[in-house]
Amino acid sequence: MKRVVLALDWTPNTNHSGFYVAQVKGLYAAAGLEVVIKSPEDAGGVTPARQVAAGTADLAVTPSETAISFATTGPDKPRLVAVAALLQGSASAIAVLANAGIETPRDLAGKRYASYDGRFEDRIVARMVSNDGGDGAAVQFHSLDFHGYDDPKAMGAGSVVASHLEQRRSDSTWIFPHWEGVLAERAGQKLRCFAPEDYGVPYGYSPVLLAHPDLLAAGGPTLRAFLAATAKGFQEAASDASAAAAALCACGHPSLADAEFVRASAAAVAPKYLSPQGKWGAMERPRWAAFVDFLSASGVLTDREGKAIARDAVDEAQLFTNEFLGSFSEASRKD
């Protein structure tokens, strides 16, 4: 059996359902794989991508900007590559409490934003505010404790809404509405959500699976087997949300104690797993290019010291690959 370690970006949730379906239904075992799924609590606060970079995980669940970040970091850091998109449709948003007096992003000027400390995150949010006619520079950004991973309430509930917005520890944060939004609604807490695309941000794929270049260079038989089994898992999750929720709940994480909530979330996200052709994982170069174009044009594309990175220094074709998903994806990789 080949061992594959997968580092999750957050507590187990319905973005990850396909992994758990593949695990519970024996799809990984049938492919000769022993798959270990690590929740952030199991990683001592180390982010998923950094686990892959350090060799303690083989694959990481991250937003697409993490691939861009690793492509524009020091030469001593590996260039992590996106090998699959977990979701096809856009599914994330900035959230505020509906009773907070924040009607649109421009109202976030002078308000607090709880940040996961992604390299480009705060400036993307500031740009949304500016694009809406507000003062993006006036947003009060503050860090979650170790990306939220060191906050027991956030990890126990699987929600920064529960740990920060509802506790009035912040005014806004970035969420997946089909997860934290559904959870808040069941708790009687109404949210208002702002999708990046509605405010001039052509946001990339989120989440994606990132791999170390060494895993790709090895020829990819293990990666191909993992992605094939995972694709089947997500296809089953898309067709049977209740069974997907049950597979997810079987892992026993405390944030999954409310099975009815998990089923509601699974039903909400199921339409976003697959392409219109019923395929899972494939990515398109124009979507990556549009996001990098936005980062560059908005002055967000900088190194860690704040120095601008030239747009032509980032080749979006090197940020991702569909090669290990199967032949159906080849066309979308080409110009």
C-alpha atoms as a PDB file:
ATOM      1  CA  MET A   1       0.000   0.000   0.000  1.00  0.00           C
ATOM      2  CA  LYS A   2       1.267   3.458  -0.905  1.00  0.00           C
ATOM      3  CA  ARG A   3       0.820   6.000   1.901  1.00  0.00           C
ATOM      4  CA  VAL A   4      -0.561   9.434   0.966  1.00  0.00           C
ATOM      5  CA  VAL A   5      -0.864  12.203   3.549  1.00  0.00           C
ATOM      6  CA  LEU A   6      -3.487  14.854   2.808  1.00  0.00           C
ATOM      7  CA  ALA A   7      -3.424  18.096   4.826  1.00  0.00           C
ATOM      8  CA  LEU A   8      -6.806  19.827   5.089  1.00  0.00           C
ATOM      9  CA  ASP A   9      -7.206  23.597   5.114  1.00  0.00           C
ATOM     10  CA  TRP A  10      -9.828  23.557   7.875  1.00  0.00           C
ATOM     11  CA  THR A  11     -11.777  21.121   9.988  1.00  0.00           C
ATOM     12  CA  PRO A  12     -13.378  18.308   7.956  1.00  0.00           C
ATOM     13  CA  ASN A  13     -16.290  19.865   6.063  1.00  0.00           C
ATOM     14  CA  THR A  14     -18.358  19.402   2.950  1.00  0.00           C
ATOM     15  CA  ASN A  15     -15.664  20.861   0.696  1.00  0.00           C
ATOM     16  CA  HIS A  16     -13.807  17.666   1.591  1.00  0.00           C
ATOM     17  CA  SER A  17     -16.671  15.171   1.273  1.00  0.00           C
ATOM     18  CA  GLY A  18     -15.242  13.349  -1.724  1.00  0.00           C
ATOM     19  CA  PHE A  19     -12.145  12.368   0.236  1.00  0.00           C
ATOM     20  CA  TYR A  20     -14.252  10.833   2.976  1.00  0.00           C
ATOM     21  CA  VAL A  21     -16.580   9.059   0.541  1.00  0.00           C
ATOM     22  CA  ALA A  22     -13.519   7.533  -1.134  1.00  0.00           C
ATOM     23  CA  GLN A  23     -12.174   6.525   2.275  1.00  0.00           C
ATOM     24  CA  VAL A  24     -15.403   5.018   3.630  1.00  0.00           C
ATOM     25  CA  LYS A  25     -16.276   3.194   0.399  1.00  0.00           C
ATOM     26  CA  GLY A  26     -12.828   1.646   0.097  1.00  0.00           C
ATOM     27  CA  LEU A  27     -11.936   3.440  -3.133  1.00  0.00           C
ATOM     28  CA  TYR A  28      -8.475   4.372  -1.867  1.00  0.00           C
ATOM     29  CA  ALA A  29      -7.814   0.883  -0.551  1.00  0.00           C
ATOM     30  CA  ALA A  30      -8.904  -0.618  -3.875  1.00  0.00           C
ATOM     31  CA  ALA A  31      -6.351   1.657  -5.570  1.00  0.00           C
ATOM     32  CA  GLY A  32      -3.605   0.357  -3.277  1.00  0.00           C
ATOM     33  CA  LEU A  33      -3.473   3.523  -1.191  1.00  0.00           C
ATOM     34  CA  GLU A  34      -3.373   4.193   2.524  1.00  0.00           C
ATOM     35  CA  VAL A  35      -4.671   7.763   2.776  1.00  0.00           C
ATOM     36  CA  VAL A  36      -4.107   9.725   5.982  1.00  0.00           C
ATOM     37  CA  ILE A  37      -6.272  12.847   6.270  1.00  0.00           C
ATOM     38  CA  LYS A  38      -4.869  15.481   8.623  1.00  0.00           C
ATOM     39  CA  SER A  39      -7.049  18.190  10.142  1.00  0.00           C
ATOM     40  CA  PRO A  40      -5.232  21.412  11.147  1.00  0.00           C
ATOM     41  CA  GLU A  41      -5.400  20.439  14.819  1.00  0.00           C
ATOM     42  CA  ASP A  42      -3.123  17.514  13.963  1.00  0.00           C
ATOM     43  CA  ALA A  43      -0.433  19.756  12.453  1.00  0.00           C
ATOM     44  CA  GLY A  44       0.590  22.000  15.336  1.00  0.00           C
ATOM     45  CA  GLY A  45      -0.574  25.158  13.581  1.00  0.00           C
ATOM     46  CA  VAL A  46       1.517  24.558  10.437  1.00  0.00           C
ATOM     47  CA  THR A  47      -0.440  25.540   7.338  1.00  0.00           C
ATOM     48  CA  PRO A  48      -1.284  22.804   4.814  1.00  0.00           C
ATOM     49  CA  ALA A  49       0.988  24.164   2.075  1.00  0.00           C
ATOM     50  CA  ARG A  50       3.913  24.479   4.447  1.00  0.00           C
ATOM     51  CA  GLN A  51       3.414  20.868   5.439  1.00  0.00           C
ATOM     52  CA  VAL A  52       3.808  19.867   1.795  1.00  0.00           C
ATOM     53  CA  ALA A  53       6.816  22.134   1.387  1.00  0.00           C
ATOM     54  CA  ALA A  54       8.400  20.532   4.458  1.00  0.00           C
ATOM     55  CA  GLY A  55       7.644  16.987   3.306  1.00  0.00           C
ATOM     56  CA  THR A  56       5.272  16.131   6.175  1.00  0.00           C
ATOM     57  CA  ALA A  57       2.298  15.927   3.785  1.00  0.00           C
ATOM     58  CA  ASP A  58       1.997  14.927   0.141  1.00  0.00           C
ATOM     59  CA  LEU A  59      -0.992  17.081  -0.781  1.00  0.00           C
ATOM     60  CA  ALA A  60      -2.591  20.189   0.697  1.00  0.00           C
ATOM     61  CA  VAL A  61      -6.024  21.741   0.410  1.00  0.00           C
ATOM     62  CA  THR A  62      -5.576  25.494  -0.133  1.00  0.00           C
ATOM     63  CA  PRO A  63      -6.992  28.471  -2.049  1.00  0.00           C
ATOM     64  CA  SER A  64      -5.477  29.054  -5.492  1.00  0.00           C
ATOM     65  CA  GLU A  65      -3.544  32.122  -4.337  1.00  0.00           C
ATOM     66  CA  THR A  66      -1.323  29.800  -2.296  1.00  0.00           C
ATOM     67  CA  ALA A  67       0.049  28.374  -5.543  1.00  0.00           C
ATOM     68  CA  ILE A  68       0.751  31.936  -6.678  1.00  0.00           C
ATOM     69  CA  SER A  69       2.431  32.709  -3.371  1.00  0.00           C
ATOM     70  CA  PHE A  70       4.762  29.715  -3.633  1.00  0.00           C
ATOM     71  CA  ALA A  71       5.507  30.565  -7.271  1.00  0.00           C
ATOM     72  CA  THR A  72       6.727  34.014  -6.235  1.00  0.00           C
ATOM     73  CA  THR A  73       8.691  33.242  -3.086  1.00  0.00           C
ATOM     74  CA  GLY A  74      12.385  32.691  -2.451  1.00  0.00           C
ATOM     75  CA  PRO A  75      14.360  30.286  -4.662  1.00  0.00           C
ATOM     76  CA  ASP A  76      14.846  27.939  -1.721  1.00  0.00           C
ATOM     77  CA  LYS A  77      11.090  27.215  -1.548  1.00  0.00           C
ATOM     78  CA  PRO A  78       9.435  24.550  -3.729  1.00  0.00           C
ATOM     79  CA  ARG A  79       6.992  25.656  -6.422  1.00  0.00           C
ATOM     80  CA  LEU A  80       3.828  23.852  -5.323  1.00  0.00           C
ATOM     81  CA  VAL A  81       1.456  23.005  -8.155  1.00  0.00           C
ATOM     82  CA  ALA A  82      -2.349  22.750  -8.145  1.00  0.00           C
ATOM     83  CA  VAL A  83      -3.370  19.311  -9.424  1.00  0.00           C
ATOM     84  CA  ALA A  84      -7.158  19.506  -8.938  1.00  0.00           C
ATOM     85  CA  ALA A  85      -9.912  21.951  -8.035  1.00  0.00           C
ATOM     86  CA  LEU A  86     -12.222  20.659  -5.328  1.00  0.00           C
ATOM     87  CA  LEU A  87     -15.051  22.932  -6.456  1.00  0.00           C
ATOM     88  CA  GLN A  88     -15.899  24.215  -9.910  1.00  0.00           C
ATOM     89  CA  GLY A  89     -18.270  27.005  -8.960  1.00  0.00           C
ATOM     90  CA  SER A  90     -17.297  30.027  -6.897  1.00  0.00           C
ATOM     91  CA  ALA A  91     -18.257  29.283  -3.328  1.00  0.00           C
ATOM     92  CA  SER A  92     -16.627  31.706  -0.882  1.00  0.00           C
ATOM     93  CA  ALA A  93     -17.512  35.170   0.402  1.00  0.00           C
ATOM     94  CA  ILE A  94     -16.801  37.844   2.978  1.00  0.00           C
ATOM     95  CA  ALA A  95     -19.360  37.534   5.760  1.00  0.00           C
ATOM     96  CA  VAL A  96     -20.755  39.977   8.319  1.00  0.00           C
ATOM     97  CA  LEU A  97     -23.633  39.747  10.753  1.00  0.00           C
ATOM     98  CA  ALA A  98     -26.837  40.967   9.118  1.00  0.00           C
ATOM     99  CA  ASN A  99     -27.496  43.250  12.096  1.00  0.00           C
ATOM    100  CA  ALA A 100     -23.995  44.815  12.062  1.00  0.00           C
ATOM    101  CA  GLY A 101     -24.990  47.801   9.925  1.00  0.00           C
ATOM    102  CA  ILE A 102     -22.689  46.689   7.096  1.00  0.00           C
ATOM    103  CA  GLU A 103     -24.780  46.722   3.937  1.00  0.00           C
ATOM    104  CA  THR A 104     -22.041  46.411   1.288  1.00  0.00           C
ATOM    105  CA  PRO A 105     -18.229  46.047   1.306  1.00  0.00           C
ATOM    106  CA  ARG A 106     -17.689  49.810   1.351  1.00  0.00           C
ATOM    107  CA  ASP A 107     -19.117  49.815   4.877  1.00  0.00           C
ATOM    108  CA  LEU A 108     -16.148  47.707   6.048  1.00  0.00           C
ATOM    109  CA  ALA A 109     -14.014  50.877   6.099  1.00  0.00           C
ATOM    110  CA  GLY A 110     -13.224  51.458   9.754  1.00  0.00           C
ATOM    111  CA  LYS A 111     -14.468  47.964  10.675  1.00  0.00           C
ATOM    112  CA  ARG A 112     -12.513  44.914  11.762  1.00  0.00           C
ATOM    113  CA  TYR A 113     -11.651  41.975   9.530  1.00  0.00           C
ATOM    114  CA  ALA A 114     -10.475  38.662  11.010  1.00  0.00           C
ATOM    115  CA  SER A 115      -7.669  37.510   8.710  1.00  0.00           C
ATOM    116  CA  TYR A 116      -6.224  34.053   8.082  1.00  0.00           C
ATOM    117  CA  ASP A 117      -3.007  35.855   7.143  1.00  0.00           C
ATOM    118  CA  GLY A 118      -2.857  34.646   3.569  1.00  0.00           C
ATOM    119  CA  ARG A 119      -0.194  36.563   1.692  1.00  0.00           C
ATOM    120  CA  PHE A 120      -2.674  38.338  -0.609  1.00  0.00           C
ATOM    121  CA  GLU A 121      -5.839  38.009   1.468  1.00  0.00           C
ATOM    122  CA  ASP A 122      -6.044  41.389   3.201  1.00  0.00           C
ATOM    123  CA  ARG A 123      -5.305  43.330   0.028  1.00  0.00           C
ATOM    124  CA  ILE A 124      -7.942  41.383  -1.903  1.00  0.00           C
ATOM    125  CA  VAL A 125     -10.486  42.344   0.746  1.00  0.00           C
ATOM    126  CA  ALA A 126      -9.277  45.959   0.690  1.00  0.00           C
ATOM    127  CA  ARG A 127      -9.693  46.003  -3.090  1.00  0.00           C
ATOM    128  CA  MET A 128     -13.275  44.739  -2.784  1.00  0.00           C
ATOM    129  CA  VAL A 129     -13.981  47.616  -0.402  1.00  0.00           C
ATOM    130  CA  SER A 130     -12.342  50.152  -2.738  1.00  0.00           C
ATOM    131  CA  ASN A 131     -14.119  48.769  -5.795  1.00  0.00           C
ATOM    132  CA  ASP A 132     -17.384  49.325  -3.938  1.00  0.00           C
ATOM    133  CA  GLY A 133     -16.535  52.983  -3.316  1.00  0.00           C
ATOM    134  CA  GLY A 134     -15.125  52.638   0.198  1.00  0.00           C
ATOM    135  CA  ASP A 135     -11.700  53.252   1.697  1.00  0.00           C
ATOM    136  CA  GLY A 136      -9.980  49.872   1.554  1.00  0.00           C
ATOM    137  CA  ALA A 137      -7.025  51.237   3.505  1.00  0.00           C
ATOM    138  CA  ALA A 138      -9.326  51.963   6.453  1.00  0.00           C
ATOM    139  CA  VAL A 139     -10.264  48.319   7.070  1.00  0.00           C
ATOM    140  CA  GLN A 140      -8.880  47.203  10.439  1.00  0.00           C
ATOM    141  CA  PHE A 141      -7.209  43.893   9.667  1.00  0.00           C
ATOM    142  CA  HIS A 142      -6.310  41.647  12.590  1.00  0.00           C
ATOM    143  CA  SER A 143      -4.986  38.112  12.633  1.00  0.00           C
ATOM    144  CA  LEU A 144      -6.785  35.019  13.755  1.00  0.00           C
ATOM    145  CA  ASP A 145      -4.670  33.029  16.193  1.00  0.00           C
ATOM    146  CA  PHE A 146      -2.410  30.873  14.017  1.00  0.00           C
ATOM    147  CA  HIS A 147      -4.767  31.162  11.039  1.00  0.00           C
ATOM    148  CA  GLY A 148      -7.659  30.232  13.316  1.00  0.00           C
ATOM    149  CA  TYR A 149      -6.138  26.818  13.982  1.00  0.00           C
ATOM    150  CA  ASP A 150      -5.148  27.776  17.522  1.00  0.00           C
ATOM    151  CA  ASP A 151      -8.640  28.849  18.508  1.00  0.00           C
ATOM    152  CA  PRO A 152     -10.425  25.948  20.247  1.00  0.00           C
ATOM    153  CA  LYS A 153     -13.883  27.447  19.683  1.00  0.00           C
ATOM    154  CA  ALA A 154     -13.264  27.894  15.941  1.00  0.00           C
ATOM    155  CA  MET A 155     -11.906  24.378  15.594  1.00  0.00           C
ATOM    156  CA  GLY A 156     -14.619  22.828  17.724  1.00  0.00           C
ATOM    157  CA  ALA A 157     -17.406  24.433  15.699  1.00  0.00           C
ATOM    158  CA  GLY A 158     -15.536  24.460  12.390  1.00  0.00           C
ATOM    159  CA  SER A 159     -16.521  28.103  12.126  1.00  0.00           C
ATOM    160  CA  VAL A 160     -14.926  31.523  12.533  1.00  0.00           C
ATOM    161  CA  VAL A 161     -18.460  32.937  12.458  1.00  0.00           C
ATOM    162  CA  ALA A 162     -19.188  31.164  15.730  1.00  0.00           C
ATOM    163  CA  SER A 163     -15.877  32.053  17.337  1.00  0.00           C
ATOM    164  CA  HIS A 164     -15.502  35.658  16.151  1.00  0.00           C
ATOM    165  CA  LEU A 165     -18.517  37.307  14.516  1.00  0.00           C
ATOM    166  CA  GLU A 166     -21.089  35.950  16.948  1.00  0.00           C
ATOM    167  CA  GLN A 167     -18.784  36.775  19.865  1.00  0.00           C
ATOM    168  CA  ARG A 168     -18.242  40.336  18.513  1.00  0.00           C
ATOM    169  CA  ARG A 169     -14.501  39.706  18.360  1.00  0.00           C
ATOM    170  CA  SER A 170     -14.522  40.929  14.761  1.00  0.00           C
ATOM    171  CA  ASP A 171     -16.908  42.455  12.239  1.00  0.00           C
ATOM    172  CA  SER A 172     -16.099  40.401   9.161  1.00  0.00           C
ATOM    173  CA  THR A 173     -14.209  37.381   7.882  1.00  0.00           C
ATOM    174  CA  TRP A 174     -13.927  35.086   4.845  1.00  0.00           C
ATOM    175  CA  ILE A 175     -16.138  31.998   4.823  1.00  0.00           C
ATOM    176  CA  PHE A 176     -17.725  29.293   2.698  1.00  0.00           C
ATOM    177  CA  PRO A 177     -21.462  30.170   2.938  1.00  0.00           C
ATOM    178  CA  HIS A 178     -22.501  26.587   2.222  1.00  0.00           C
ATOM    179  CA  TRP A 179     -20.703  25.574   5.433  1.00  0.00           C
ATOM    180  CA  GLU A 180     -20.435  28.374   7.984  1.00  0.00           C
ATOM    181  CA  GLY A 181     -23.435  30.199   6.534  1.00  0.00           C
ATOM    182  CA  VAL A 182     -25.660  27.142   6.861  1.00  0.00           C
ATOM    183  CA  LEU A 183     -24.354  26.579  10.389  1.00  0.00           C
ATOM    184  CA  ALA A 184     -25.109  30.179  11.374  1.00  0.00           C
ATOM    185  CA  GLU A 185     -28.602  29.990   9.897  1.00  0.00           C
ATOM    186  CA  ARG A 186     -29.378  26.879  11.928  1.00  0.00           C
ATOM    187  CA  ALA A 187     -28.197  28.735  15.031  1.00  0.00           C
ATOM    188  CA  GLY A 188     -30.595  31.583  14.269  1.00  0.00           C
ATOM    189  CA  GLN A 189     -27.808  33.979  13.303  1.00  0.00           C
ATOM    190  CA  LYS A 190     -28.340  35.804  10.024  1.00  0.00           C
ATOM    191  CA  LEU A 191     -25.371  36.706   7.855  1.00  0.00           C
ATOM    192  CA  ARG A 192     -24.815  39.037   4.928  1.00  0.00           C
ATOM    193  CA  CYS A 193     -22.266  37.742   2.410  1.00  0.00           C
ATOM    194  CA  PHE A 194     -20.279  39.527  -0.294  1.00  0.00           C
ATOM    195  CA  ALA A 195     -18.913  37.397  -3.133  1.00  0.00           C
ATOM    196  CA  PRO A 196     -15.576  38.633  -4.547  1.00  0.00           C
ATOM    197  CA  GLU A 197     -16.842  38.342  -8.117  1.00  0.00           C
ATOM    198  CA  ASP A 198     -19.646  40.807  -7.378  1.00  0.00           C
ATOM    199  CA  TYR A 199     -17.084  43.476  -6.452  1.00  0.00           C
ATOM    200  CA  GLY A 200     -14.542  43.322  -9.244  1.00  0.00           C
ATOM    201  CA  VAL A 201     -12.435  40.385  -8.053  1.00  0.00           C
ATOM    202  CA  PRO A 202     -12.269  37.457 -10.525  1.00  0.00           C
ATOM    203  CA  TYR A 203     -11.382  35.070  -7.727  1.00  0.00           C
ATOM    204  CA  GLY A 204      -9.596  31.846  -8.637  1.00  0.00           C
ATOM    205  CA  TYR A 205     -10.376  28.259  -7.763  1.00  0.00           C
ATOM    206  CA  SER A 206     -10.892  27.598  -4.083  1.00  0.00           C
ATOM    207  CA  PRO A 207     -10.035  25.184  -2.717  1.00  0.00           C
ATOM    208  CA  VAL A 208      -7.458  23.368  -4.810  1.00  0.00           C
ATOM    209  CA  LEU A 209      -5.152  20.445  -4.151  1.00  0.00           C
ATOM    210  CA  LEU A 210      -1.481  21.433  -4.136  1.00  0.00           C
ATOM    211  CA  ALA A 211       1.320  18.937  -4.673  1.00  0.00           C
ATOM    212  CA  HIS A 212       5.083  19.106  -4.265  1.00  0.00           C
ATOM    213  CA  PRO A 213       6.899  19.191  -7.631  1.00  0.00           C
ATOM    214  CA  ASP A 214       8.823  16.076  -6.607  1.00  0.00           C
ATOM    215  CA  LEU A 215       5.534  14.143  -6.509  1.00  0.00           C
ATOM    216  CA  LEU A 216       4.846  15.197 -10.094  1.00  0.00           C
ATOM    217  CA  ALA A 217       8.391  14.535 -11.268  1.00  0.00           C
ATOM    218  CA  ALA A 218       8.184  10.956 -10.021  1.00  0.00           C
ATOM    219  CA  GLY A 219       5.872  10.191 -12.908  1.00  0.00           C
ATOM    220  CA  GLY A 220       2.714  10.379 -10.898  1.00  0.00           C
ATOM    221  CA  PRO A 221       1.361   6.805 -10.590  1.00  0.00           C
ATOM    222  CA  THR A 222       0.468   7.337  -6.942  1.00  0.00           C
ATOM    223  CA  LEU A 223      -0.966  10.775  -7.643  1.00  0.00           C
ATOM    224  CA  ARG A 224      -2.986   9.479 -10.589  1.00  0.00           C
ATOM    225  CA  ALA A 225      -4.406   6.661  -8.470  1.00  0.00           C
ATOM    226  CA  PHE A 226      -5.270   9.071  -5.664  1.00  0.00           C
ATOM    227  CA  LEU A 227      -6.988  11.552  -7.974  1.00  0.00           C
ATOM    228  CA  ALA A 228      -8.925   8.845  -9.801  1.00  0.00           C
ATOM    229  CA  ALA A 229     -10.313   7.479  -6.532  1.00  0.00           C
ATOM    230  CA  THR A 230     -10.982  10.991  -5.253  1.00  0.00           C
ATOM    231  CA  ALA A 231     -12.836  11.933  -8.446  1.00  0.00           C
ATOM    232  CA  LYS A 232     -15.140   8.954  -7.921  1.00  0.00           C
ATOM    233  CA  GLY A 233     -15.656  10.070  -4.332  1.00  0.00           C
ATOM    234  CA  PHE A 234     -16.688  13.568  -5.371  1.00  0.00           C
ATOM    235  CA  GLN A 235     -18.886  12.280  -8.160  1.00  0.00           C
ATOM    236  CA  GLU A 236     -20.718  10.122  -5.620  1.00  0.00           C
ATOM    237  CA  ALA A 237     -20.916  13.088  -3.224  1.00  0.00           C
ATOM    238  CA  ALA A 238     -22.500  15.154  -5.993  1.00  0.00           C
ATOM    239  CA  SER A 239     -25.139  12.515  -6.712  1.00  0.00           C
ATOM    240  CA  ASP A 240     -25.958  11.538  -3.109  1.00  0.00           C
ATOM    241  CA  ALA A 241     -25.534  14.362  -0.623  1.00  0.00           C
ATOM    242  CA  SER A 242     -26.970  12.369   2.283  1.00  0.00           C
ATOM    243  CA  ALA A 243     -24.508   9.514   1.813  1.00  0.00           C
ATOM    244  CA  ALA A 244     -21.675  12.031   1.463  1.00  0.00           C
ATOM    245  CA  ALA A 245     -22.710  13.685   4.728  1.00  0.00           C
ATOM    246  CA  ALA A 246     -22.773  10.313   6.463  1.00  0.00           C
ATOM    247  CA  ALA A 247     -19.275   9.490   5.207  1.00  0.00           C
ATOM    248  CA  LEU A 248     -18.000  12.843   6.441  1.00  0.00           C
ATOM    249  CA  CYS A 249     -19.648  12.480   9.847  1.00  0.00           C
ATOM    250  CA  ALA A 250     -18.077   9.048  10.245  1.00  0.00           C
ATOM    251  CA  CYS A 251     -14.687  10.684  10.857  1.00  0.00           C
ATOM    252  CA  GLY A 252     -16.011  11.833  14.237  1.00  0.00           C
ATOM    253  CA  HIS A 253     -14.810  15.428  14.309  1.00  0.00           C
ATOM    254  CA  PRO A 254     -16.751  17.466  16.931  1.00  0.00           C
ATOM    255  CA  SER A 255     -17.824  20.044  14.342  1.00  0.00           C
ATOM    256  CA  LEU A 256     -19.873  17.293  12.659  1.00  0.00           C
ATOM    257  CA  ALA A 257     -22.045  16.413  15.662  1.00  0.00           C
ATOM    258  CA  ASP A 258     -25.177  17.927  14.071  1.00  0.00           C
ATOM    259  CA  ALA A 259     -25.818  15.422  11.284  1.00  0.00           C
ATOM    260  CA  GLU A 260     -28.814  17.377   9.967  1.00  0.00           C
ATOM    261  CA  PHE A 261     -26.624  20.457   9.519  1.00  0.00           C
ATOM    262  CA  VAL A 262     -24.004  18.421   7.650  1.00  0.00           C
ATOM    263  CA  ARG A 263     -26.678  17.032   5.332  1.00  0.00           C
ATOM    264  CA  ALA A 264     -27.970  20.550   4.639  1.00  0.00           C
ATOM    265  CA  SER A 265     -24.455  21.765   3.871  1.00  0.00           C
ATOM    266  CA  ALA A 266     -23.787  18.732   1.664  1.00  0.00           C
ATOM    267  CA  ALA A 267     -26.907  19.477  -0.367  1.00  0.00           C
ATOM    268  CA  ALA A 268     -25.913  23.147  -0.708  1.00  0.00           C
ATOM    269  CA  VAL A 269     -22.436  22.441  -2.072  1.00  0.00           C
ATOM    270  CA  ALA A 270     -23.169  19.345  -4.189  1.00  0.00           C
ATOM    271  CA  PRO A 271     -23.916  21.334  -7.400  1.00  0.00           C
ATOM    272  CA  LYS A 272     -20.470  22.951  -7.238  1.00  0.00           C
ATOM    273  CA  TYR A 273     -18.344  19.793  -7.216  1.00  0.00           C
ATOM    274  CA  LEU A 274     -18.491  18.921 -10.911  1.00  0.00           C
ATOM    275  CA  SER A 275     -18.265  20.585 -14.297  1.00  0.00           C
ATOM    276  CA  PRO A 276     -21.366  20.664 -16.534  1.00  0.00           C
ATOM    277  CA  GLN A 277     -19.886  17.551 -18.167  1.00  0.00           C
ATOM    278  CA  GLY A 278     -19.880  15.721 -14.818  1.00  0.00           C
ATOM    279  CA  LYS A 279     -16.093  15.848 -14.405  1.00  0.00           C
ATOM    280  CA  TRP A 280     -14.272  16.636 -11.182  1.00  0.00           C
ATOM    281  CA  GLY A 281     -11.032  18.521 -10.644  1.00  0.00           C
ATOM    282  CA  ALA A 282     -10.210  20.111 -14.008  1.00  0.00           C
ATOM    283  CA  MET A 283      -9.011  23.726 -14.141  1.00  0.00           C
ATOM    284  CA  GLU A 284      -8.911  26.253 -16.970  1.00  0.00           C
ATOM    285  CA  ARG A 285      -6.016  28.542 -17.779  1.00  0.00           C
ATOM    286  CA  PRO A 286      -8.182  31.640 -18.480  1.00  0.00           C
ATOM    287  CA  ARG A 287      -9.560  31.530 -14.944  1.00  0.00           C
ATOM    288  CA  TRP A 288      -6.055  31.391 -13.479  1.00  0.00           C
ATOM    289  CA  ALA A 289      -4.884  34.151 -15.840  1.00  0.00           C
ATOM    290  CA  ALA A 290      -7.780  36.440 -14.928  1.00  0.00           C
ATOM    291  CA  PHE A 291      -6.968  36.125 -11.240  1.00  0.00           C
ATOM    292  CA  VAL A 292      -3.251  36.796 -11.727  1.00  0.00           C
ATOM    293  CA  ASP A 293      -4.119  39.735 -14.017  1.00  0.00           C
ATOM    294  CA  PHE A 294      -6.293  41.173 -11.253  1.00  0.00           C
ATOM    295  CA  LEU A 295      -3.607  40.723  -8.595  1.00  0.00           C
ATOM    296  CA  SER A 296      -1.090  42.482 -10.811  1.00  0.00           C
ATOM    297  CA  ALA A 297      -3.319  45.341 -11.978  1.00  0.00           C
ATOM    298  CA  SER A 298      -4.528  45.983  -8.422  1.00  0.00           C
ATOM    299  CA  GLY A 299      -1.035  46.162  -6.959  1.00  0.00           C
ATOM    300  CA  VAL A 300      -1.643  43.038  -4.885  1.00  0.00           C
ATOM    301  CA  LEU A 301       0.997  40.940  -6.640  1.00  0.00           C
ATOM    302  CA  THR A 302       4.031  41.719  -4.496  1.00  0.00           C
ATOM    303  CA  ASP A 303       6.716  39.775  -2.679  1.00  0.00           C
ATOM    304  CA  ARG A 304       6.708  39.406   1.080  1.00  0.00           C
ATOM    305  CA  GLU A 305       8.580  42.704   1.440  1.00  0.00           C
ATOM    306  CA  GLY A 306       5.918  44.548  -0.558  1.00  0.00           C
ATOM    307  CA  LYS A 307       7.928  44.939  -3.774  1.00  0.00           C
ATOM    308  CA  ALA A 308       5.853  44.663  -6.941  1.00  0.00           C
ATOM    309  CA  ILE A 309       6.231  41.488  -8.992  1.00  0.00           C
ATOM    310  CA  ALA A 310       5.973  41.950 -12.761  1.00  0.00           C
ATOM    311  CA  ARG A 311       2.957  40.276 -14.331  1.00  0.00           C
ATOM    312  CA  ASP A 312       5.123  38.484 -16.885  1.00  0.00           C
ATOM    313  CA  ALA A 313       7.126  36.941 -14.048  1.00  0.00           C
ATOM    314  CA  VAL A 314       4.152  34.718 -13.248  1.00  0.00           C
ATOM    315  CA  ASP A 315       3.298  32.083 -15.839  1.00  0.00           C
ATOM    316  CA  GLU A 316      -0.162  30.880 -14.864  1.00  0.00           C
ATOM    317  CA  ALA A 317       0.345  27.712 -16.927  1.00  0.00           C
ATOM    318  CA  GLN A 318       2.979  26.645 -14.394  1.00  0.00           C
ATOM    319  CA  LEU A 319       0.648  27.124 -11.419  1.00  0.00           C
ATOM    320  CA  PHE A 320      -1.570  24.165 -12.228  1.00  0.00           C
ATOM    321  CA  THR A 321      -1.837  20.978 -14.229  1.00  0.00           C
ATOM    322  CA  ASN A 322      -4.696  18.734 -15.311  1.00  0.00           C
ATOM    323  CA  GLU A 323      -2.277  16.049 -16.464  1.00  0.00           C
ATOM    324  CA  PHE A 324      -2.838  13.684 -13.563  1.00  0.00           C
ATOM    325  CA  LEU A 325      -6.626  13.832 -13.751  1.00  0.00           C
ATOM    326  CA  GLY A 326      -6.897  12.016 -17.081  1.00  0.00           C
ATOM    327  CA  SER A 327      -7.036  12.735 -20.781  1.00  0.00           C
ATOM    328  CA  PHE A 328     -10.365  14.598 -20.634  1.00  0.00           C
ATOM    329  CA  SER A 329      -8.541  17.582 -19.103  1.00  0.00           C
ATOM    330  CA  GLU A 330      -5.755  18.014 -21.593  1.00  0.00           C
ATOM    331  CA  ALA A 331      -7.458  20.628 -23.774  1.00  0.00           C
ATOM    332  CA  SER A 332      -8.010  23.064 -20.925  1.00  0.00           C
ATOM    333  CA  ARG A 333      -4.288  23.197 -20.173  1.00  0.00           C
ATOM    334  CA  LYS A 334      -3.384  24.419 -23.650  1.00  0.00           C
ATOM    335  CA  ASP A 335      -3.428  28.016 -24.878  1.00  0.00           C
END
